[in-house]
Amino acid sequence: MLLPLLRDVARALAGTPSGASYQDLLADVEAGAVRPEHVETLEKFLEMGIQTGRFRARFGGLGEEALVRLFHQTPRGAAIATAVEEVNQALTVLAGQAIEQVRLSAQGPGGYALTIETDRCRLTLRLDPGGARIHDLELAL
């Protein structure tokens, strides 16, 4: 799935510094292995295609899902997946508690805070382009 898209991007950016990076990445993908010096270009390419919906439009939901799994194998994707797992682990403290309030607030361009208050705690999550992370957990004593 990557090859036709990378060919398009490399052709469109030919003669530019970015075009050279995509040409190098294309050569790696054609060879079947991405060299470490081209992983960042791959991350950017995958992130752009996922965020813009281009992968879903071209390959459907299953194709997009496969490319998301590939993204999660990159250092940036793995860091995001780890952060999501940490958030999910933190959410387990809410099991069995009565939710009293859920509030979403804007924290700036592309950044949000999700606060969940229960009868025993208040958990605040930050959601921004860098991912999801635990901002604060207050327990009632």
N, C-alpha and C. Protein backbone atom coordinates (compact mmCIF):
# COMPACT_ATOMS: atom_id res chain seq x y z
N MET A 1 0.82 -1.20 0.00
CA MET A 1 0.00 0.00 0.00
C MET A 1 0.86 1.26 0.00
N LEU A 2 2.01 1.20 0.64
CA LEU A 2 2.86 2.39 0.71
C LEU A 2 3.46 2.78 -0.63
N LEU A 3 3.79 1.80 -1.43
CA LEU A 3 4.54 2.09 -2.67
C LEU A 3 3.86 3.10 -3.58
N PRO A 4 2.57 2.92 -3.95
CA PRO A 4 1.99 3.91 -4.87
C PRO A 4 1.90 5.31 -4.26
N LEU A 5 1.63 5.37 -2.97
CA LEU A 5 1.54 6.68 -2.32
C LEU A 5 2.91 7.35 -2.23
N LEU A 6 3.92 6.58 -1.86
CA LEU A 6 5.27 7.14 -1.79
C LEU A 6 5.77 7.57 -3.16
N ARG A 7 5.44 6.79 -4.19
CA ARG A 7 5.83 7.19 -5.55
C ARG A 7 5.20 8.53 -5.91
N ASP A 8 3.92 8.70 -5.57
CA ASP A 8 3.23 9.96 -5.85
C ASP A 8 3.90 11.13 -5.13
N VAL A 9 4.20 10.94 -3.86
CA VAL A 9 4.80 12.02 -3.07
C VAL A 9 6.21 12.33 -3.56
N ALA A 10 7.00 11.30 -3.81
CA ALA A 10 8.37 11.51 -4.29
C ALA A 10 8.36 12.24 -5.63
N ARG A 11 7.43 11.88 -6.51
CA ARG A 11 7.32 12.53 -7.82
C ARG A 11 6.87 13.99 -7.65
N ALA A 12 5.89 14.22 -6.78
CA ALA A 12 5.38 15.59 -6.58
C ALA A 12 6.43 16.50 -5.96
N LEU A 13 7.30 15.94 -5.13
CA LEU A 13 8.31 16.75 -4.45
C LEU A 13 9.69 16.66 -5.10
N ALA A 14 9.76 16.09 -6.29
CA ALA A 14 11.05 15.92 -6.98
C ALA A 14 11.79 17.25 -7.06
N GLY A 15 13.08 17.20 -6.81
CA GLY A 15 13.90 18.41 -6.90
C GLY A 15 13.93 19.22 -5.63
N THR A 16 13.26 18.79 -4.60
CA THR A 16 13.26 19.49 -3.31
C THR A 16 13.98 18.63 -2.27
N PRO A 17 14.43 19.23 -1.18
CA PRO A 17 15.05 18.43 -0.11
C PRO A 17 14.10 17.36 0.44
N SER A 18 12.85 17.70 0.58
CA SER A 18 11.87 16.72 1.05
C SER A 18 11.70 15.60 0.04
N GLY A 19 11.72 15.96 -1.23
CA GLY A 19 11.58 14.97 -2.29
C GLY A 19 12.70 13.94 -2.23
N ALA A 20 13.90 14.39 -1.94
CA ALA A 20 15.03 13.46 -1.83
C ALA A 20 14.82 12.49 -0.66
N SER A 21 14.29 13.00 0.45
CA SER A 21 14.01 12.14 1.60
C SER A 21 12.97 11.09 1.26
N TYR A 22 11.93 11.51 0.53
CA TYR A 22 10.89 10.55 0.15
C TYR A 22 11.39 9.57 -0.90
N GLN A 23 12.29 10.00 -1.76
CA GLN A 23 12.88 9.09 -2.75
C GLN A 23 13.70 8.02 -2.04
N ASP A 24 14.46 8.43 -1.02
CA ASP A 24 15.25 7.48 -0.23
C ASP A 24 14.33 6.50 0.51
N LEU A 25 13.26 7.01 1.08
CA LEU A 25 12.30 6.15 1.78
C LEU A 25 11.66 5.18 0.80
N LEU A 26 11.29 5.67 -0.36
CA LEU A 26 10.69 4.81 -1.39
C LEU A 26 11.65 3.67 -1.75
N ALA A 27 12.93 3.97 -1.92
CA ALA A 27 13.92 2.93 -2.24
C ALA A 27 13.98 1.89 -1.11
N ASP A 28 13.91 2.36 0.14
CA ASP A 28 13.92 1.43 1.27
C ASP A 28 12.70 0.52 1.25
N VAL A 29 11.52 1.09 1.05
CA VAL A 29 10.29 0.31 1.04
C VAL A 29 10.30 -0.69 -0.10
N GLU A 30 10.80 -0.27 -1.25
CA GLU A 30 10.91 -1.20 -2.39
C GLU A 30 11.86 -2.36 -2.06
N ALA A 31 12.89 -2.07 -1.27
CA ALA A 31 13.86 -3.10 -0.87
C ALA A 31 13.33 -3.96 0.27
N GLY A 32 12.27 -3.50 0.94
CA GLY A 32 11.66 -4.30 2.00
C GLY A 32 12.12 -3.99 3.41
N ALA A 33 12.93 -2.96 3.62
CA ALA A 33 13.40 -2.59 4.96
C ALA A 33 13.70 -1.09 4.99
N VAL A 34 13.20 -0.42 6.01
CA VAL A 34 13.44 1.01 6.16
C VAL A 34 14.65 1.20 7.06
N ARG A 35 15.65 1.89 6.54
CA ARG A 35 16.87 2.15 7.31
C ARG A 35 16.57 3.18 8.40
N PRO A 36 17.29 3.11 9.51
CA PRO A 36 17.04 4.01 10.65
C PRO A 36 17.01 5.49 10.28
N GLU A 37 17.85 5.90 9.35
CA GLU A 37 17.89 7.33 8.99
C GLU A 37 16.66 7.78 8.21
N HIS A 38 15.80 6.83 7.80
CA HIS A 38 14.59 7.19 7.05
C HIS A 38 13.31 6.96 7.85
N VAL A 39 13.45 6.51 9.10
CA VAL A 39 12.27 6.23 9.92
C VAL A 39 11.47 7.50 10.20
N GLU A 40 12.15 8.61 10.45
CA GLU A 40 11.43 9.86 10.73
C GLU A 40 10.58 10.29 9.53
N THR A 41 11.10 10.12 8.33
CA THR A 41 10.32 10.44 7.12
C THR A 41 9.11 9.53 7.02
N LEU A 42 9.30 8.24 7.33
CA LEU A 42 8.18 7.30 7.33
C LEU A 42 7.13 7.71 8.35
N GLU A 43 7.56 8.08 9.55
CA GLU A 43 6.62 8.53 10.59
C GLU A 43 5.79 9.71 10.10
N LYS A 44 6.46 10.70 9.54
CA LYS A 44 5.75 11.89 9.05
C LYS A 44 4.77 11.52 7.94
N PHE A 45 5.19 10.67 7.04
CA PHE A 45 4.33 10.24 5.94
C PHE A 45 3.09 9.52 6.46
N LEU A 46 3.30 8.57 7.36
CA LEU A 46 2.17 7.81 7.92
C LEU A 46 1.24 8.72 8.73
N GLU A 47 1.82 9.58 9.53
CA GLU A 47 1.02 10.49 10.35
C GLU A 47 0.16 11.40 9.47
N MET A 48 0.75 11.93 8.42
CA MET A 48 0.03 12.81 7.51
C MET A 48 -1.12 12.06 6.83
N GLY A 49 -0.84 10.86 6.34
CA GLY A 49 -1.87 10.08 5.66
C GLY A 49 -3.00 9.67 6.56
N ILE A 50 -2.69 9.36 7.81
CA ILE A 50 -3.72 8.98 8.78
C ILE A 50 -4.56 10.19 9.16
N GLN A 51 -3.89 11.30 9.50
CA GLN A 51 -4.61 12.49 9.96
C GLN A 51 -5.48 13.12 8.89
N THR A 52 -5.05 13.08 7.66
CA THR A 52 -5.82 13.72 6.59
C THR A 52 -6.94 12.83 6.07
N GLY A 53 -6.92 11.55 6.42
CA GLY A 53 -7.93 10.63 5.91
C GLY A 53 -7.60 10.08 4.53
N ARG A 54 -6.44 10.43 4.02
CA ARG A 54 -6.05 9.98 2.68
C ARG A 54 -5.95 8.46 2.59
N PHE A 55 -5.40 7.83 3.63
CA PHE A 55 -5.27 6.37 3.60
C PHE A 55 -6.64 5.70 3.59
N ARG A 56 -7.55 6.21 4.40
CA ARG A 56 -8.90 5.63 4.46
C ARG A 56 -9.61 5.80 3.11
N ALA A 57 -9.46 6.98 2.52
CA ALA A 57 -10.11 7.24 1.23
C ALA A 57 -9.55 6.31 0.14
N ARG A 58 -8.27 6.05 0.19
CA ARG A 58 -7.65 5.25 -0.86
C ARG A 58 -7.77 3.74 -0.64
N PHE A 59 -7.67 3.31 0.64
CA PHE A 59 -7.61 1.88 0.92
C PHE A 59 -8.75 1.36 1.79
N GLY A 60 -9.65 2.25 2.22
CA GLY A 60 -10.74 1.81 3.09
C GLY A 60 -10.28 1.64 4.53
N GLY A 61 -11.22 1.25 5.36
CA GLY A 61 -10.94 1.14 6.79
C GLY A 61 -9.88 0.10 7.13
N LEU A 62 -9.93 -1.05 6.47
CA LEU A 62 -8.94 -2.09 6.78
C LEU A 62 -7.54 -1.70 6.35
N GLY A 63 -7.43 -1.03 5.22
CA GLY A 63 -6.12 -0.55 4.78
C GLY A 63 -5.56 0.49 5.72
N GLU A 64 -6.43 1.41 6.13
CA GLU A 64 -6.00 2.43 7.08
C GLU A 64 -5.55 1.78 8.37
N GLU A 65 -6.30 0.80 8.84
CA GLU A 65 -5.95 0.10 10.07
C GLU A 65 -4.57 -0.55 9.97
N ALA A 66 -4.27 -1.14 8.84
CA ALA A 66 -2.95 -1.75 8.64
C ALA A 66 -1.85 -0.69 8.70
N LEU A 67 -2.09 0.47 8.13
CA LEU A 67 -1.09 1.53 8.14
C LEU A 67 -0.96 2.15 9.52
N VAL A 68 -2.04 2.19 10.29
CA VAL A 68 -1.97 2.65 11.68
C VAL A 68 -1.10 1.67 12.49
N ARG A 69 -1.28 0.37 12.27
CA ARG A 69 -0.44 -0.62 12.96
C ARG A 69 1.03 -0.43 12.59
N LEU A 70 1.29 -0.13 11.33
CA LEU A 70 2.67 0.15 10.92
C LEU A 70 3.20 1.39 11.64
N PHE A 71 2.38 2.43 11.72
CA PHE A 71 2.79 3.65 12.44
C PHE A 71 3.14 3.33 13.89
N HIS A 72 2.37 2.45 14.53
CA HIS A 72 2.64 2.10 15.93
C HIS A 72 3.95 1.33 16.10
N GLN A 73 4.54 0.88 15.01
CA GLN A 73 5.85 0.22 15.07
C GLN A 73 7.00 1.20 14.97
N THR A 74 6.70 2.47 14.67
CA THR A 74 7.74 3.49 14.62
C THR A 74 7.95 4.03 16.03
N PRO A 75 9.08 4.68 16.30
CA PRO A 75 9.31 5.22 17.65
C PRO A 75 8.20 6.18 18.11
N ARG A 76 7.78 7.08 17.25
CA ARG A 76 6.72 8.03 17.64
C ARG A 76 5.39 7.30 17.85
N GLY A 77 5.07 6.39 16.96
CA GLY A 77 3.83 5.63 17.10
C GLY A 77 3.83 4.77 18.35
N ALA A 78 4.98 4.16 18.65
CA ALA A 78 5.10 3.33 19.86
C ALA A 78 4.94 4.18 21.11
N ALA A 79 5.48 5.40 21.09
CA ALA A 79 5.34 6.30 22.24
C ALA A 79 3.88 6.67 22.46
N ILE A 80 3.17 6.92 21.38
CA ILE A 80 1.74 7.24 21.48
C ILE A 80 0.97 6.04 22.01
N ALA A 81 1.26 4.86 21.50
CA ALA A 81 0.58 3.65 21.97
C ALA A 81 0.84 3.42 23.46
N THR A 82 2.08 3.67 23.91
CA THR A 82 2.42 3.52 25.33
C THR A 82 1.64 4.52 26.17
N ALA A 83 1.56 5.77 25.69
CA ALA A 83 0.80 6.78 26.44
C ALA A 83 -0.67 6.39 26.55
N VAL A 84 -1.24 5.86 25.49
CA VAL A 84 -2.64 5.43 25.52
C VAL A 84 -2.81 4.30 26.52
N GLU A 85 -1.88 3.37 26.55
CA GLU A 85 -1.96 2.27 27.52
C GLU A 85 -1.89 2.79 28.95
N GLU A 86 -1.04 3.79 29.19
CA GLU A 86 -0.94 4.39 30.52
C GLU A 86 -2.24 5.07 30.92
N VAL A 87 -2.86 5.75 29.97
CA VAL A 87 -4.15 6.39 30.24
C VAL A 87 -5.21 5.33 30.54
N ASN A 88 -5.25 4.28 29.74
CA ASN A 88 -6.21 3.21 29.98
C ASN A 88 -6.00 2.58 31.36
N GLN A 89 -4.75 2.42 31.75
CA GLN A 89 -4.45 1.87 33.08
C GLN A 89 -4.97 2.81 34.16
N ALA A 90 -4.78 4.11 33.98
CA ALA A 90 -5.26 5.08 34.96
C ALA A 90 -6.78 5.06 35.06
N LEU A 91 -7.43 4.85 33.93
CA LEU A 91 -8.90 4.82 33.93
C LEU A 91 -9.46 3.64 34.72
N THR A 92 -8.66 2.61 34.95
CA THR A 92 -9.15 1.46 35.72
C THR A 92 -9.46 1.84 37.16
N VAL A 93 -8.86 2.94 37.66
CA VAL A 93 -9.17 3.36 39.04
C VAL A 93 -10.62 3.78 39.17
N LEU A 94 -11.28 4.06 38.05
CA LEU A 94 -12.67 4.51 38.09
C LEU A 94 -13.67 3.36 38.19
N ALA A 95 -13.20 2.13 38.01
CA ALA A 95 -14.10 0.98 38.03
C ALA A 95 -14.88 0.92 39.34
N GLY A 96 -16.18 0.78 39.21
CA GLY A 96 -17.05 0.66 40.37
C GLY A 96 -17.42 1.98 41.04
N GLN A 97 -16.88 3.08 40.55
CA GLN A 97 -17.19 4.38 41.14
C GLN A 97 -18.35 5.03 40.41
N ALA A 98 -19.09 5.84 41.13
CA ALA A 98 -20.20 6.59 40.54
C ALA A 98 -19.64 7.86 39.90
N ILE A 99 -19.84 8.00 38.60
CA ILE A 99 -19.37 9.19 37.91
C ILE A 99 -20.34 10.34 38.20
N GLU A 100 -19.78 11.42 38.73
CA GLU A 100 -20.58 12.58 39.07
C GLU A 100 -20.53 13.66 38.00
N GLN A 101 -19.39 13.79 37.34
CA GLN A 101 -19.25 14.83 36.32
C GLN A 101 -18.15 14.46 35.33
N VAL A 102 -18.40 14.75 34.05
CA VAL A 102 -17.40 14.62 33.00
C VAL A 102 -17.37 15.96 32.29
N ARG A 103 -16.16 16.51 32.14
CA ARG A 103 -16.04 17.84 31.56
C ARG A 103 -14.84 17.88 30.61
N LEU A 104 -15.05 18.45 29.43
CA LEU A 104 -14.00 18.66 28.45
C LEU A 104 -13.75 20.15 28.34
N SER A 105 -12.49 20.55 28.41
CA SER A 105 -12.18 21.97 28.28
C SER A 105 -11.03 22.15 27.29
N ALA A 106 -11.04 23.28 26.60
CA ALA A 106 -9.98 23.62 25.65
C ALA A 106 -8.77 24.12 26.42
N GLN A 107 -7.59 23.67 26.01
CA GLN A 107 -6.35 24.08 26.66
C GLN A 107 -5.44 24.83 25.70
N GLY A 108 -5.96 25.21 24.56
CA GLY A 108 -5.17 25.88 23.54
C GLY A 108 -5.42 25.22 22.21
N PRO A 109 -4.73 25.66 21.17
CA PRO A 109 -4.95 25.09 19.84
C PRO A 109 -4.66 23.58 19.82
N GLY A 110 -5.69 22.81 19.57
CA GLY A 110 -5.53 21.36 19.47
C GLY A 110 -5.32 20.64 20.79
N GLY A 111 -5.46 21.34 21.90
CA GLY A 111 -5.25 20.72 23.21
C GLY A 111 -6.50 20.78 24.06
N TYR A 112 -6.79 19.68 24.73
CA TYR A 112 -7.99 19.58 25.55
C TYR A 112 -7.67 18.89 26.86
N ALA A 113 -8.49 19.15 27.85
CA ALA A 113 -8.41 18.43 29.12
C ALA A 113 -9.76 17.78 29.36
N LEU A 114 -9.73 16.50 29.66
CA LEU A 114 -10.93 15.75 29.99
C LEU A 114 -10.86 15.43 31.47
N THR A 115 -11.81 15.96 32.24
CA THR A 115 -11.85 15.74 33.67
C THR A 115 -13.03 14.86 34.01
N ILE A 116 -12.75 13.81 34.76
CA ILE A 116 -13.79 12.88 35.19
C ILE A 116 -13.79 12.90 36.72
N GLU A 117 -14.93 13.30 37.29
CA GLU A 117 -15.06 13.33 38.74
C GLU A 117 -16.00 12.23 39.18
N THR A 118 -15.57 11.50 40.20
CA THR A 118 -16.40 10.44 40.75
C THR A 118 -16.63 10.73 42.23
N ASP A 119 -17.29 9.81 42.89
CA ASP A 119 -17.52 9.96 44.32
C ASP A 119 -16.24 9.79 45.12
N ARG A 120 -15.14 9.31 44.48
CA ARG A 120 -13.89 9.07 45.21
C ARG A 120 -12.65 9.71 44.62
N CYS A 121 -12.74 10.26 43.41
CA CYS A 121 -11.54 10.86 42.81
C CYS A 121 -11.89 11.82 41.69
N ARG A 122 -10.85 12.54 41.27
CA ARG A 122 -10.95 13.39 40.08
C ARG A 122 -9.72 13.08 39.22
N LEU A 123 -9.96 12.69 37.97
CA LEU A 123 -8.91 12.33 37.04
C LEU A 123 -8.96 13.30 35.88
N THR A 124 -7.83 13.92 35.57
CA THR A 124 -7.76 14.83 34.44
C THR A 124 -6.76 14.28 33.43
N LEU A 125 -7.23 14.15 32.19
CA LEU A 125 -6.41 13.68 31.08
C LEU A 125 -6.17 14.84 30.14
N ARG A 126 -4.97 14.93 29.59
CA ARG A 126 -4.67 15.92 28.55
C ARG A 126 -4.69 15.21 27.21
N LEU A 127 -5.36 15.82 26.25
CA LEU A 127 -5.46 15.29 24.89
C LEU A 127 -4.97 16.38 23.95
N ASP A 128 -3.91 16.08 23.21
CA ASP A 128 -3.38 17.08 22.27
C ASP A 128 -2.70 16.36 21.12
N PRO A 129 -2.17 17.10 20.16
CA PRO A 129 -1.55 16.43 19.01
C PRO A 129 -0.43 15.45 19.39
N GLY A 130 0.15 15.64 20.56
CA GLY A 130 1.20 14.74 21.03
C GLY A 130 0.66 13.45 21.60
N GLY A 131 -0.65 13.37 21.80
CA GLY A 131 -1.26 12.16 22.34
C GLY A 131 -2.10 12.43 23.57
N ALA A 132 -2.39 11.37 24.27
CA ALA A 132 -3.18 11.43 25.50
C ALA A 132 -2.25 11.13 26.66
N ARG A 133 -2.43 11.85 27.76
CA ARG A 133 -1.61 11.58 28.93
C ARG A 133 -2.35 11.98 30.20
N ILE A 134 -1.95 11.39 31.29
CA ILE A 134 -2.53 11.69 32.59
C ILE A 134 -1.95 13.01 33.06
N HIS A 135 -2.81 13.93 33.39
CA HIS A 135 -2.33 15.22 33.90
C HIS A 135 -2.40 15.26 35.41
N ASP A 136 -3.48 14.73 35.98
CA ASP A 136 -3.67 14.87 37.41
C ASP A 136 -4.63 13.79 37.90
N LEU A 137 -4.36 13.25 39.07
CA LEU A 137 -5.27 12.32 39.72
C LEU A 137 -5.34 12.70 41.18
N GLU A 138 -6.55 13.06 41.63
CA GLU A 138 -6.77 13.41 43.02
C GLU A 138 -7.69 12.38 43.63
N LEU A 139 -7.26 11.82 44.76
CA LEU A 139 -8.06 10.83 45.45
C LEU A 139 -8.67 11.45 46.70
N ALA A 140 -9.93 11.13 46.96
CA ALA A 140 -10.58 11.59 48.19
C ALA A 140 -10.18 10.64 49.32
N LEU A 141 -9.79 11.21 50.42
CA LEU A 141 -9.38 10.37 51.56
C LEU A 141 -10.44 10.34 52.63
